[in-house]
Amino acid sequence: MTAPAARPVAITCGEPAGIGPEIVMGARAALGAEIPLFWIGDPAHLPPGSDWQAIDAPAAAADVDAHVLPVLAHPFPKAVTPGAPEPDNAAAVMEVIARGVALVMEGAACALCTAPIHKKVLKDGAAFPYPGHTEFLEALTGAPRAVMMLASPHMRVVPATIHIALQEVPDALTPALLRDTIRITAADLKARFGLPHPRIAVAGLNPHAGEGGTMGRQEADWIARLVAEMAAEGLDVTGPWPGDTLFHAAARARYDVAVAMYHDQALIPIKTLDFDRGVNVTLGLPIVRTSPDHGTAFDIAGTGQANPTSMIEALRLAWTMGRSA
């Protein structure tokens, strides 16, 4: 009796005028038969000469040769010129993401890997009402709260606040938000990353973690107390640590994940240390979702310069997590 084919990873096309179509073809070529997968999008947007094959359902991806990209076709209203986004395609980009989520939710795919979107294009063309991909996935899956984690072989980081202006961070950063972020992070590292007792380091918001209240009061007024309370509950959580000393090699050896207070505090270190292999993982969802840790790169789209490494790593992590989900 032949064993049933493993459920594949669903890949959404993202912004078709960016480097998404190129990196998915590069990833397919590099991975071959290593990971069962399929792409959702308009095949007219793939690079010229791409080797692809239409499928009518995710299960049919198993019948496609390993060097060919299985495509679940989703027609878009407008043709695409690399580097020149078309706002009239924005609604279709959102539809593809929703379709990918639905396929994973119903069990037809084991995980979702999303190519980069461009939020301004979505807002201009379809009044996209979310700050970013993470919040859209939260709404699509009905998750109470989603948390963004960036992971690479060097480190894992989680920003407590994500796609908001820096001036909005102090008001958005509340004890409830930080507590939820730490709890969701700990739970998913246990359930999906095989870390029974994840070590969590919490960064301070202000320079030198406030330096005793002389450079900001949040650490002294409530962050330190919250960290101590969660440690008393049994979590291996420490901090708040100064952000400028939290990411050197010796510091990173003392934790499994760093919870940062805002977007750039988390993303600058990981993108500096390992830009090509960073992967965006959404925690707190009922599905597995990963994504390359970079944007649409309109400036190099269609030139053949796009590096598929982050997409390859995102697919590998999606497959690893999806098989055990």
C-alpha atoms as a PDB file:
ATOM      1  CA  MET A   1       0.000   0.000   0.000  1.00  0.00           C
ATOM      2  CA  THR A   2       1.401   3.402  -0.978  1.00  0.00           C
ATOM      3  CA  ALA A   3       1.739   5.892   1.866  1.00  0.00           C
ATOM      4  CA  PRO A   4      -0.312   9.074   1.475  1.00  0.00           C
ATOM      5  CA  ALA A   5       1.602  12.121   0.288  1.00  0.00           C
ATOM      6  CA  ALA A   6       2.615  14.581   2.976  1.00  0.00           C
ATOM      7  CA  ARG A   7       0.586  17.764   3.120  1.00  0.00           C
ATOM      8  CA  PRO A   8       2.503  20.505   1.278  1.00  0.00           C
ATOM      9  CA  VAL A   9       3.464  24.010   2.317  1.00  0.00           C
ATOM     10  CA  ALA A  10       1.297  26.722   0.728  1.00  0.00           C
ATOM     11  CA  ILE A  11       3.182  29.754  -0.611  1.00  0.00           C
ATOM     12  CA  THR A  12       1.329  33.007  -1.236  1.00  0.00           C
ATOM     13  CA  CYS A  13       2.526  35.235  -4.069  1.00  0.00           C
ATOM     14  CA  GLY A  14       2.742  38.480  -2.106  1.00  0.00           C
ATOM     15  CA  GLU A  15       3.278  41.673  -4.102  1.00  0.00           C
ATOM     16  CA  PRO A  16       3.737  40.392  -7.675  1.00  0.00           C
ATOM     17  CA  ALA A  17       5.749  43.420  -8.820  1.00  0.00           C
ATOM     18  CA  GLY A  18       8.386  42.708  -6.164  1.00  0.00           C
ATOM     19  CA  ILE A  19      10.948  39.939  -5.918  1.00  0.00           C
ATOM     20  CA  GLY A  20       8.450  37.352  -4.661  1.00  0.00           C
ATOM     21  CA  PRO A  21       8.044  35.539  -7.999  1.00  0.00           C
ATOM     22  CA  GLU A  22      11.819  35.343  -8.463  1.00  0.00           C
ATOM     23  CA  ILE A  23      12.651  34.056  -4.999  1.00  0.00           C
ATOM     24  CA  VAL A  24       9.968  31.381  -5.101  1.00  0.00           C
ATOM     25  CA  MET A  25      11.418  30.030  -8.341  1.00  0.00           C
ATOM     26  CA  GLY A  26      14.915  30.194  -6.842  1.00  0.00           C
ATOM     27  CA  ALA A  27      13.713  28.366  -3.747  1.00  0.00           C
ATOM     28  CA  ARG A  28      11.990  25.666  -5.787  1.00  0.00           C
ATOM     29  CA  ALA A  29      15.181  25.088  -7.776  1.00  0.00           C
ATOM     30  CA  ALA A  30      17.284  24.896  -4.625  1.00  0.00           C
ATOM     31  CA  LEU A  31      14.947  22.682  -2.615  1.00  0.00           C
ATOM     32  CA  GLY A  32      13.832  20.253  -5.295  1.00  0.00           C
ATOM     33  CA  ALA A  33      12.094  17.295  -3.676  1.00  0.00           C
ATOM     34  CA  GLU A  34      13.175  18.282  -0.148  1.00  0.00           C
ATOM     35  CA  ILE A  35       9.874  20.009   0.654  1.00  0.00           C
ATOM     36  CA  PRO A  36       6.408  19.445  -0.869  1.00  0.00           C
ATOM     37  CA  LEU A  37       4.983  22.835  -1.751  1.00  0.00           C
ATOM     38  CA  PHE A  38       2.741  24.816  -4.071  1.00  0.00           C
ATOM     39  CA  TRP A  39       2.387  28.481  -4.991  1.00  0.00           C
ATOM     40  CA  ILE A  40      -0.843  30.489  -5.084  1.00  0.00           C
ATOM     41  CA  GLY A  41      -0.860  33.318  -7.598  1.00  0.00           C
ATOM     42  CA  ASP A  42      -1.162  34.342 -11.215  1.00  0.00           C
ATOM     43  CA  PRO A  43       1.329  32.304 -13.272  1.00  0.00           C
ATOM     44  CA  ALA A  44       1.606  35.224 -15.697  1.00  0.00           C
ATOM     45  CA  HIS A  45       3.560  36.999 -12.946  1.00  0.00           C
ATOM     46  CA  LEU A  46       6.298  34.366 -12.721  1.00  0.00           C
ATOM     47  CA  PRO A  47       9.642  35.225 -14.372  1.00  0.00           C
ATOM     48  CA  PRO A  48       9.813  34.515 -18.117  1.00  0.00           C
ATOM     49  CA  GLY A  49      10.784  30.927 -18.809  1.00  0.00           C
ATOM     50  CA  SER A  50       9.675  29.671 -15.381  1.00  0.00           C
ATOM     51  CA  ASP A  51       8.941  25.961 -15.248  1.00  0.00           C
ATOM     52  CA  TRP A  52       5.534  25.634 -13.592  1.00  0.00           C
ATOM     53  CA  GLN A  53       2.522  23.349 -13.719  1.00  0.00           C
ATOM     54  CA  ALA A  54      -1.079  24.108 -12.853  1.00  0.00           C
ATOM     55  CA  ILE A  55      -2.752  22.030 -10.138  1.00  0.00           C
ATOM     56  CA  ASP A  56      -6.397  21.978  -9.126  1.00  0.00           C
ATOM     57  CA  ALA A  57      -5.842  21.118  -5.448  1.00  0.00           C
ATOM     58  CA  PRO A  58      -2.922  21.110  -2.985  1.00  0.00           C
ATOM     59  CA  ALA A  59      -2.747  17.308  -2.947  1.00  0.00           C
ATOM     60  CA  ALA A  60      -1.919  17.342  -6.660  1.00  0.00           C
ATOM     61  CA  ALA A  61       1.417  19.045  -5.899  1.00  0.00           C
ATOM     62  CA  ALA A  62       2.809  15.601  -5.099  1.00  0.00           C
ATOM     63  CA  ASP A  63       2.402  14.597  -8.764  1.00  0.00           C
ATOM     64  CA  VAL A  64       4.531  17.488 -10.086  1.00  0.00           C
ATOM     65  CA  ASP A  65       8.209  16.929 -10.919  1.00  0.00           C
ATOM     66  CA  ALA A  66      10.592  18.222  -8.262  1.00  0.00           C
ATOM     67  CA  HIS A  67      12.119  20.892 -10.539  1.00  0.00           C
ATOM     68  CA  VAL A  68       8.701  22.283 -11.546  1.00  0.00           C
ATOM     69  CA  LEU A  69       6.660  24.754  -9.454  1.00  0.00           C
ATOM     70  CA  PRO A  70       3.109  23.538  -8.702  1.00  0.00           C
ATOM     71  CA  VAL A  71       0.745  26.492  -9.134  1.00  0.00           C
ATOM     72  CA  LEU A  72      -2.756  26.895  -7.764  1.00  0.00           C
ATOM     73  CA  ALA A  73      -3.811  29.627 -10.147  1.00  0.00           C
ATOM     74  CA  HIS A  74      -5.390  32.816  -8.839  1.00  0.00           C
ATOM     75  CA  PRO A  75      -5.954  35.301 -11.705  1.00  0.00           C
ATOM     76  CA  PHE A  76      -5.127  38.959 -11.118  1.00  0.00           C
ATOM     77  CA  PRO A  77      -6.870  41.835 -12.924  1.00  0.00           C
ATOM     78  CA  LYS A  78      -3.711  43.567 -14.160  1.00  0.00           C
ATOM     79  CA  ALA A  79      -0.464  42.570 -15.816  1.00  0.00           C
ATOM     80  CA  VAL A  80       2.703  43.181 -13.830  1.00  0.00           C
ATOM     81  CA  THR A  81       5.899  45.055 -14.596  1.00  0.00           C
ATOM     82  CA  PRO A  82       8.667  44.185 -12.104  1.00  0.00           C
ATOM     83  CA  GLY A  83       9.380  47.145  -9.855  1.00  0.00           C
ATOM     84  CA  ALA A  84       6.144  48.942 -10.749  1.00  0.00           C
ATOM     85  CA  PRO A  85       3.345  47.923  -8.374  1.00  0.00           C
ATOM     86  CA  GLU A  86      -0.211  48.117  -9.657  1.00  0.00           C
ATOM     87  CA  PRO A  87      -2.743  49.178  -6.980  1.00  0.00           C
ATOM     88  CA  ASP A  88      -5.549  47.500  -8.937  1.00  0.00           C
ATOM     89  CA  ASN A  89      -3.938  44.158  -8.001  1.00  0.00           C
ATOM     90  CA  ALA A  90      -4.066  44.898  -4.276  1.00  0.00           C
ATOM     91  CA  ALA A  91      -7.375  43.153  -3.616  1.00  0.00           C
ATOM     92  CA  ALA A  92      -6.119  40.000  -5.350  1.00  0.00           C
ATOM     93  CA  VAL A  93      -2.993  40.003  -3.160  1.00  0.00           C
ATOM     94  CA  MET A  94      -5.246  40.008  -0.107  1.00  0.00           C
ATOM     95  CA  GLU A  95      -7.446  37.275  -1.596  1.00  0.00           C
ATOM     96  CA  VAL A  96      -4.432  35.029  -2.117  1.00  0.00           C
ATOM     97  CA  ILE A  97      -3.400  35.406   1.530  1.00  0.00           C
ATOM     98  CA  ALA A  98      -6.938  34.601   2.678  1.00  0.00           C
ATOM     99  CA  ARG A  99      -7.026  31.590   0.347  1.00  0.00           C
ATOM    100  CA  GLY A 100      -3.715  30.307   1.696  1.00  0.00           C
ATOM    101  CA  VAL A 101      -4.879  30.672   5.294  1.00  0.00           C
ATOM    102  CA  ALA A 102      -8.112  28.820   4.513  1.00  0.00           C
ATOM    103  CA  LEU A 103      -6.222  25.915   2.921  1.00  0.00           C
ATOM    104  CA  VAL A 104      -4.038  25.509   6.001  1.00  0.00           C
ATOM    105  CA  MET A 105      -6.983  25.908   8.372  1.00  0.00           C
ATOM    106  CA  GLU A 106      -8.901  23.152   6.595  1.00  0.00           C
ATOM    107  CA  GLY A 107      -5.875  20.828   6.580  1.00  0.00           C
ATOM    108  CA  ALA A 108      -5.110  20.812   2.861  1.00  0.00           C
ATOM    109  CA  ALA A 109      -1.676  22.333   3.540  1.00  0.00           C
ATOM    110  CA  CYS A 110       0.537  21.886   6.601  1.00  0.00           C
ATOM    111  CA  ALA A 111       1.838  25.450   6.813  1.00  0.00           C
ATOM    112  CA  LEU A 112       1.768  28.856   5.152  1.00  0.00           C
ATOM    113  CA  CYS A 113       4.807  30.664   3.775  1.00  0.00           C
ATOM    114  CA  THR A 114       4.064  34.185   2.577  1.00  0.00           C
ATOM    115  CA  ALA A 115       6.041  36.199   0.064  1.00  0.00           C
ATOM    116  CA  PRO A 116       6.506  39.883   0.975  1.00  0.00           C
ATOM    117  CA  ILE A 117       3.665  42.358   0.565  1.00  0.00           C
ATOM    118  CA  HIS A 118       3.869  46.132   0.229  1.00  0.00           C
ATOM    119  CA  LYS A 119       1.541  47.712   2.747  1.00  0.00           C
ATOM    120  CA  LYS A 120       1.270  51.117   1.056  1.00  0.00           C
ATOM    121  CA  VAL A 121       0.234  49.503  -2.234  1.00  0.00           C
ATOM    122  CA  LEU A 122      -2.433  47.506  -0.409  1.00  0.00           C
ATOM    123  CA  LYS A 123      -3.693  50.595   1.382  1.00  0.00           C
ATOM    124  CA  ASP A 124      -3.738  52.638  -1.835  1.00  0.00           C
ATOM    125  CA  GLY A 125      -5.448  49.948  -3.899  1.00  0.00           C
ATOM    126  CA  ALA A 126      -7.697  48.120  -1.448  1.00  0.00           C
ATOM    127  CA  ALA A 127      -7.864  50.254   1.720  1.00  0.00           C
ATOM    128  CA  PHE A 128      -5.944  47.537   3.565  1.00  0.00           C
ATOM    129  CA  PRO A 129      -7.075  48.099   7.173  1.00  0.00           C
ATOM    130  CA  TYR A 130      -4.179  46.381   8.959  1.00  0.00           C
ATOM    131  CA  PRO A 131      -0.733  47.641   9.988  1.00  0.00           C
ATOM    132  CA  GLY A 132       0.883  44.584   8.357  1.00  0.00           C
ATOM    133  CA  HIS A 133       0.822  40.911   7.420  1.00  0.00           C
ATOM    134  CA  THR A 134       0.857  39.757  11.056  1.00  0.00           C
ATOM    135  CA  GLU A 135      -2.285  41.623  12.010  1.00  0.00           C
ATOM    136  CA  PHE A 136      -4.093  40.479   8.836  1.00  0.00           C
ATOM    137  CA  LEU A 137      -3.290  36.851   9.665  1.00  0.00           C
ATOM    138  CA  GLU A 138      -4.525  37.415  13.197  1.00  0.00           C
ATOM    139  CA  ALA A 139      -7.880  38.564  11.819  1.00  0.00           C
ATOM    140  CA  LEU A 140      -8.121  35.779   9.222  1.00  0.00           C
ATOM    141  CA  THR A 141      -7.490  33.021  11.752  1.00  0.00           C
ATOM    142  CA  GLY A 142      -9.488  34.515  14.603  1.00  0.00           C
ATOM    143  CA  ALA A 143      -6.446  34.429  16.884  1.00  0.00           C
ATOM    144  CA  PRO A 144      -6.824  36.588  20.014  1.00  0.00           C
ATOM    145  CA  ARG A 145      -3.313  37.941  19.506  1.00  0.00           C
ATOM    146  CA  ALA A 146      -0.502  37.204  17.074  1.00  0.00           C
ATOM    147  CA  VAL A 147       3.159  37.823  17.859  1.00  0.00           C
ATOM    148  CA  MET A 148       5.926  38.368  15.310  1.00  0.00           C
ATOM    149  CA  MET A 149       9.196  36.529  15.851  1.00  0.00           C
ATOM    150  CA  LEU A 150      12.295  36.816  13.671  1.00  0.00           C
ATOM    151  CA  ALA A 151      14.497  33.744  13.757  1.00  0.00           C
ATOM    152  CA  SER A 152      17.878  32.823  12.318  1.00  0.00           C
ATOM    153  CA  PRO A 153      20.664  30.409  13.273  1.00  0.00           C
ATOM    154  CA  HIS A 154      22.174  33.259  15.320  1.00  0.00           C
ATOM    155  CA  MET A 155      19.202  34.482  17.339  1.00  0.00           C
ATOM    156  CA  ARG A 156      15.467  34.859  17.855  1.00  0.00           C
ATOM    157  CA  VAL A 157      13.829  38.211  18.557  1.00  0.00           C
ATOM    158  CA  VAL A 158      10.249  39.292  19.258  1.00  0.00           C
ATOM    159  CA  PRO A 159       9.098  42.935  19.104  1.00  0.00           C
ATOM    160  CA  ALA A 160       6.322  43.629  21.625  1.00  0.00           C
ATOM    161  CA  THR A 161       5.010  46.482  19.473  1.00  0.00           C
ATOM    162  CA  ILE A 162       5.292  46.120  15.728  1.00  0.00           C
ATOM    163  CA  HIS A 163       4.168  48.360  12.881  1.00  0.00           C
ATOM    164  CA  ILE A 164       3.557  51.650  14.629  1.00  0.00           C
ATOM    165  CA  ALA A 165       5.406  54.959  14.704  1.00  0.00           C
ATOM    166  CA  LEU A 166       8.151  55.219  17.303  1.00  0.00           C
ATOM    167  CA  GLN A 167       6.369  58.107  19.043  1.00  0.00           C
ATOM    168  CA  GLU A 168       3.378  55.808  19.645  1.00  0.00           C
ATOM    169  CA  VAL A 169       5.389  53.043  21.331  1.00  0.00           C
ATOM    170  CA  PRO A 170       5.364  54.299  24.967  1.00  0.00           C
ATOM    171  CA  ASP A 171       1.559  54.490  25.019  1.00  0.00           C
ATOM    172  CA  ALA A 172       1.046  51.211  23.142  1.00  0.00           C
ATOM    173  CA  LEU A 173       3.476  49.320  25.385  1.00  0.00           C
ATOM    174  CA  THR A 174       1.270  48.297  28.300  1.00  0.00           C
ATOM    175  CA  PRO A 175       1.737  45.647  31.003  1.00  0.00           C
ATOM    176  CA  ALA A 176      -1.046  43.564  29.431  1.00  0.00           C
ATOM    177  CA  LEU A 177       0.572  43.713  25.988  1.00  0.00           C
ATOM    178  CA  LEU A 178       4.020  42.778  27.266  1.00  0.00           C
ATOM    179  CA  ARG A 179       2.660  39.984  29.460  1.00  0.00           C
ATOM    180  CA  ASP A 180       0.713  38.499  26.512  1.00  0.00           C
ATOM    181  CA  THR A 181       3.767  38.771  24.265  1.00  0.00           C
ATOM    182  CA  ILE A 182       5.962  36.890  26.728  1.00  0.00           C
ATOM    183  CA  ARG A 183       3.344  34.202  27.370  1.00  0.00           C
ATOM    184  CA  ILE A 184       2.623  33.569  23.686  1.00  0.00           C
ATOM    185  CA  THR A 185       6.339  33.465  22.933  1.00  0.00           C
ATOM    186  CA  ALA A 186       7.023  30.973  25.706  1.00  0.00           C
ATOM    187  CA  ALA A 187       4.082  28.762  24.710  1.00  0.00           C
ATOM    188  CA  ASP A 188       5.066  28.527  21.030  1.00  0.00           C
ATOM    189  CA  LEU A 189       8.751  27.962  21.758  1.00  0.00           C
ATOM    190  CA  LYS A 190       7.660  25.014  23.897  1.00  0.00           C
ATOM    191  CA  ALA A 191       5.046  23.641  21.506  1.00  0.00           C
ATOM    192  CA  ARG A 192       6.674  24.268  18.129  1.00  0.00           C
ATOM    193  CA  PHE A 193      10.404  24.672  18.714  1.00  0.00           C
ATOM    194  CA  GLY A 194      11.064  21.850  21.159  1.00  0.00           C
ATOM    195  CA  LEU A 195      12.267  24.098  23.999  1.00  0.00           C
ATOM    196  CA  PRO A 196      10.666  22.823  27.218  1.00  0.00           C
ATOM    197  CA  HIS A 197      12.013  25.737  29.289  1.00  0.00           C
ATOM    198  CA  PRO A 198      12.716  28.641  26.917  1.00  0.00           C
ATOM    199  CA  ARG A 199      14.984  31.341  28.289  1.00  0.00           C
ATOM    200  CA  ILE A 200      13.488  34.756  27.595  1.00  0.00           C
ATOM    201  CA  ALA A 201      15.425  38.013  27.916  1.00  0.00           C
ATOM    202  CA  VAL A 202      13.383  41.213  28.026  1.00  0.00           C
ATOM    203  CA  ALA A 203      14.873  44.455  26.747  1.00  0.00           C
ATOM    204  CA  GLY A 204      14.283  47.830  28.327  1.00  0.00           C
ATOM    205  CA  LEU A 205      12.438  50.569  26.473  1.00  0.00           C
ATOM    206  CA  ASN A 206      14.765  53.449  27.324  1.00  0.00           C
ATOM    207  CA  PRO A 207      18.538  53.901  26.964  1.00  0.00           C
ATOM    208  CA  HIS A 208      20.405  51.843  29.600  1.00  0.00           C
ATOM    209  CA  ALA A 209      17.024  50.334  30.564  1.00  0.00           C
ATOM    210  CA  GLY A 210      16.113  53.677  32.125  1.00  0.00           C
ATOM    211  CA  GLU A 211      19.209  53.810  34.352  1.00  0.00           C
ATOM    212  CA  GLY A 212      17.257  53.825  37.575  1.00  0.00           C
ATOM    213  CA  GLY A 213      14.600  56.161  36.262  1.00  0.00           C
ATOM    214  CA  THR A 214      16.951  58.915  35.124  1.00  0.00           C
ATOM    215  CA  MET A 215      16.376  58.140  31.418  1.00  0.00           C
ATOM    216  CA  GLY A 216      12.741  57.046  31.522  1.00  0.00           C
ATOM    217  CA  ARG A 217      10.424  55.554  34.115  1.00  0.00           C
ATOM    218  CA  GLN A 218       8.804  52.523  32.431  1.00  0.00           C
ATOM    219  CA  GLU A 219      11.452  50.029  33.576  1.00  0.00           C
ATOM    220  CA  ALA A 220      11.358  51.161  37.191  1.00  0.00           C
ATOM    221  CA  ASP A 221       7.613  51.752  37.312  1.00  0.00           C
ATOM    222  CA  TRP A 222       6.359  48.457  35.869  1.00  0.00           C
ATOM    223  CA  ILE A 223       8.562  46.462  33.450  1.00  0.00           C
ATOM    224  CA  ALA A 224      10.920  45.112  36.112  1.00  0.00           C
ATOM    225  CA  ARG A 225       7.992  44.197  38.351  1.00  0.00           C
ATOM    226  CA  LEU A 226       6.175  42.409  35.518  1.00  0.00           C
ATOM    227  CA  VAL A 227       9.286  40.390  34.648  1.00  0.00           C
ATOM    228  CA  ALA A 228       9.714  39.397  38.304  1.00  0.00           C
ATOM    229  CA  GLU A 229       6.065  38.344  38.562  1.00  0.00           C
ATOM    230  CA  MET A 230       6.311  36.166  35.466  1.00  0.00           C
ATOM    231  CA  ALA A 231       9.525  34.605  36.726  1.00  0.00           C
ATOM    232  CA  ALA A 232       7.722  33.801  39.992  1.00  0.00           C
ATOM    233  CA  GLU A 233       5.043  32.043  37.925  1.00  0.00           C
ATOM    234  CA  GLY A 234       7.714  29.665  36.625  1.00  0.00           C
ATOM    235  CA  LEU A 235       8.837  31.223  33.361  1.00  0.00           C
ATOM    236  CA  ASP A 236      12.569  31.579  32.741  1.00  0.00           C
ATOM    237  CA  VAL A 237      12.380  35.300  32.007  1.00  0.00           C
ATOM    238  CA  THR A 238      14.890  37.989  32.955  1.00  0.00           C
ATOM    239  CA  GLY A 239      15.289  41.728  32.465  1.00  0.00           C
ATOM    240  CA  PRO A 240      14.794  44.458  31.629  1.00  0.00           C
ATOM    241  CA  TRP A 241      18.223  44.548  29.994  1.00  0.00           C
ATOM    242  CA  PRO A 242      19.736  47.547  28.191  1.00  0.00           C
ATOM    243  CA  GLY A 243      19.030  47.207  24.480  1.00  0.00           C
ATOM    244  CA  ASP A 244      22.551  48.228  23.502  1.00  0.00           C
ATOM    245  CA  THR A 245      24.172  45.271  25.325  1.00  0.00           C
ATOM    246  CA  LEU A 246      21.559  42.576  24.724  1.00  0.00           C
ATOM    247  CA  PHE A 247      22.642  41.370  21.306  1.00  0.00           C
ATOM    248  CA  HIS A 248      26.397  40.750  21.389  1.00  0.00           C
ATOM    249  CA  ALA A 249      27.560  37.131  21.204  1.00  0.00           C
ATOM    250  CA  ALA A 250      28.077  36.521  24.920  1.00  0.00           C
ATOM    251  CA  ALA A 251      24.676  37.999  25.780  1.00  0.00           C
ATOM    252  CA  ARG A 252      22.893  35.946  23.105  1.00  0.00           C
ATOM    253  CA  ALA A 253      24.331  32.755  24.590  1.00  0.00           C
ATOM    254  CA  ARG A 254      22.302  33.376  27.755  1.00  0.00           C
ATOM    255  CA  TYR A 255      18.824  33.328  26.189  1.00  0.00           C
ATOM    256  CA  ASP A 256      16.721  31.544  23.563  1.00  0.00           C
ATOM    257  CA  VAL A 257      14.714  34.594  22.550  1.00  0.00           C
ATOM    258  CA  ALA A 258      14.890  38.326  23.225  1.00  0.00           C
ATOM    259  CA  VAL A 259      11.661  40.268  23.645  1.00  0.00           C
ATOM    260  CA  ALA A 260      12.263  43.810  22.434  1.00  0.00           C
ATOM    261  CA  MET A 261      10.043  46.811  23.009  1.00  0.00           C
ATOM    262  CA  TYR A 262       9.667  48.049  19.442  1.00  0.00           C
ATOM    263  CA  HIS A 263      10.195  47.042  15.829  1.00  0.00           C
ATOM    264  CA  ASP A 264      13.677  48.334  15.071  1.00  0.00           C
ATOM    265  CA  GLN A 265      15.095  47.372  18.467  1.00  0.00           C
ATOM    266  CA  ALA A 266      14.392  43.767  17.466  1.00  0.00           C
ATOM    267  CA  LEU A 267      14.932  43.787  13.709  1.00  0.00           C
ATOM    268  CA  ILE A 268      18.155  45.783  13.402  1.00  0.00           C
ATOM    269  CA  PRO A 269      20.265  43.218  15.312  1.00  0.00           C
ATOM    270  CA  ILE A 270      18.991  40.157  13.449  1.00  0.00           C
ATOM    271  CA  LYS A 271      19.135  41.795  10.029  1.00  0.00           C
ATOM    272  CA  THR A 272      22.658  43.005  10.745  1.00  0.00           C
ATOM    273  CA  LEU A 273      23.873  39.607  11.930  1.00  0.00           C
ATOM    274  CA  ASP A 274      22.106  37.370   9.418  1.00  0.00           C
ATOM    275  CA  PHE A 275      20.083  39.299   6.846  1.00  0.00           C
ATOM    276  CA  ASP A 276      19.848  36.515   4.272  1.00  0.00           C
ATOM    277  CA  ARG A 277      18.786  33.714   6.619  1.00  0.00           C
ATOM    278  CA  GLY A 278      16.332  35.564   8.830  1.00  0.00           C
ATOM    279  CA  VAL A 279      12.792  34.171   8.889  1.00  0.00           C
ATOM    280  CA  ASN A 280       9.606  35.840  10.094  1.00  0.00           C
ATOM    281  CA  VAL A 281       7.499  33.430  12.176  1.00  0.00           C
ATOM    282  CA  THR A 282       4.049  34.342  13.459  1.00  0.00           C
ATOM    283  CA  LEU A 283       3.397  33.023  16.962  1.00  0.00           C
ATOM    284  CA  GLY A 284      -0.018  32.699  18.587  1.00  0.00           C
ATOM    285  CA  LEU A 285      -1.867  31.543  15.453  1.00  0.00           C
ATOM    286  CA  PRO A 286      -3.738  28.242  15.090  1.00  0.00           C
ATOM    287  CA  ILE A 287      -1.638  27.647  11.944  1.00  0.00           C
ATOM    288  CA  VAL A 288       2.077  27.680  11.121  1.00  0.00           C
ATOM    289  CA  ARG A 289       3.146  30.754   9.179  1.00  0.00           C
ATOM    290  CA  THR A 290       6.607  31.839   8.091  1.00  0.00           C
ATOM    291  CA  SER A 291       7.915  34.463   5.683  1.00  0.00           C
ATOM    292  CA  PRO A 292      11.232  35.773   4.377  1.00  0.00           C
ATOM    293  CA  ASP A 293      12.634  38.508   6.581  1.00  0.00           C
ATOM    294  CA  HIS A 294      12.812  41.161   3.869  1.00  0.00           C
ATOM    295  CA  GLY A 295      10.558  43.317   1.754  1.00  0.00           C
ATOM    296  CA  THR A 296       9.473  43.527  -1.852  1.00  0.00           C
ATOM    297  CA  ALA A 297      12.763  45.071  -3.095  1.00  0.00           C
ATOM    298  CA  PHE A 298      11.188  46.910  -6.026  1.00  0.00           C
ATOM    299  CA  ASP A 299      14.600  48.358  -6.907  1.00  0.00           C
ATOM    300  CA  ILE A 300      15.975  44.970  -7.982  1.00  0.00           C
ATOM    301  CA  ALA A 301      12.783  43.192  -9.037  1.00  0.00           C
ATOM    302  CA  GLY A 302      13.124  41.563 -12.424  1.00  0.00           C
ATOM    303  CA  THR A 303      16.902  42.029 -12.581  1.00  0.00           C
ATOM    304  CA  GLY A 304      17.887  38.531 -11.478  1.00  0.00           C
ATOM    305  CA  GLN A 305      19.690  39.868  -8.399  1.00  0.00           C
ATOM    306  CA  ALA A 306      17.182  38.663  -5.783  1.00  0.00           C
ATOM    307  CA  ASN A 307      18.633  36.254  -3.229  1.00  0.00           C
ATOM    308  CA  PRO A 308      16.218  33.390  -2.403  1.00  0.00           C
ATOM    309  CA  THR A 309      18.051  32.325   0.780  1.00  0.00           C
ATOM    310  CA  SER A 310      15.523  33.788   3.221  1.00  0.00           C
ATOM    311  CA  MET A 311      12.641  32.202   1.281  1.00  0.00           C
ATOM    312  CA  ILE A 312      14.470  28.862   1.330  1.00  0.00           C
ATOM    313  CA  GLU A 313      14.954  29.114   5.092  1.00  0.00           C
ATOM    314  CA  ALA A 314      11.330  30.208   5.574  1.00  0.00           C
ATOM    315  CA  LEU A 315      10.106  27.167   3.637  1.00  0.00           C
ATOM    316  CA  ARG A 316      12.361  24.827   5.579  1.00  0.00           C
ATOM    317  CA  LEU A 317      11.123  26.172   8.893  1.00  0.00           C
ATOM    318  CA  ALA A 318       7.480  26.066   7.744  1.00  0.00           C
ATOM    319  CA  TRP A 319       7.919  22.435   6.714  1.00  0.00           C
ATOM    320  CA  THR A 320       9.642  21.484   9.982  1.00  0.00           C
ATOM    321  CA  MET A 321       6.999  23.179  12.101  1.00  0.00           C
ATOM    322  CA  GLY A 322       4.078  22.121   9.898  1.00  0.00           C
ATOM    323  CA  ARG A 323       4.873  18.442  10.064  1.00  0.00           C
ATOM    324  CA  SER A 324       4.708  18.502  13.857  1.00  0.00           C
ATOM    325  CA  ALA A 325       1.717  20.804  14.165  1.00  0.00           C
END
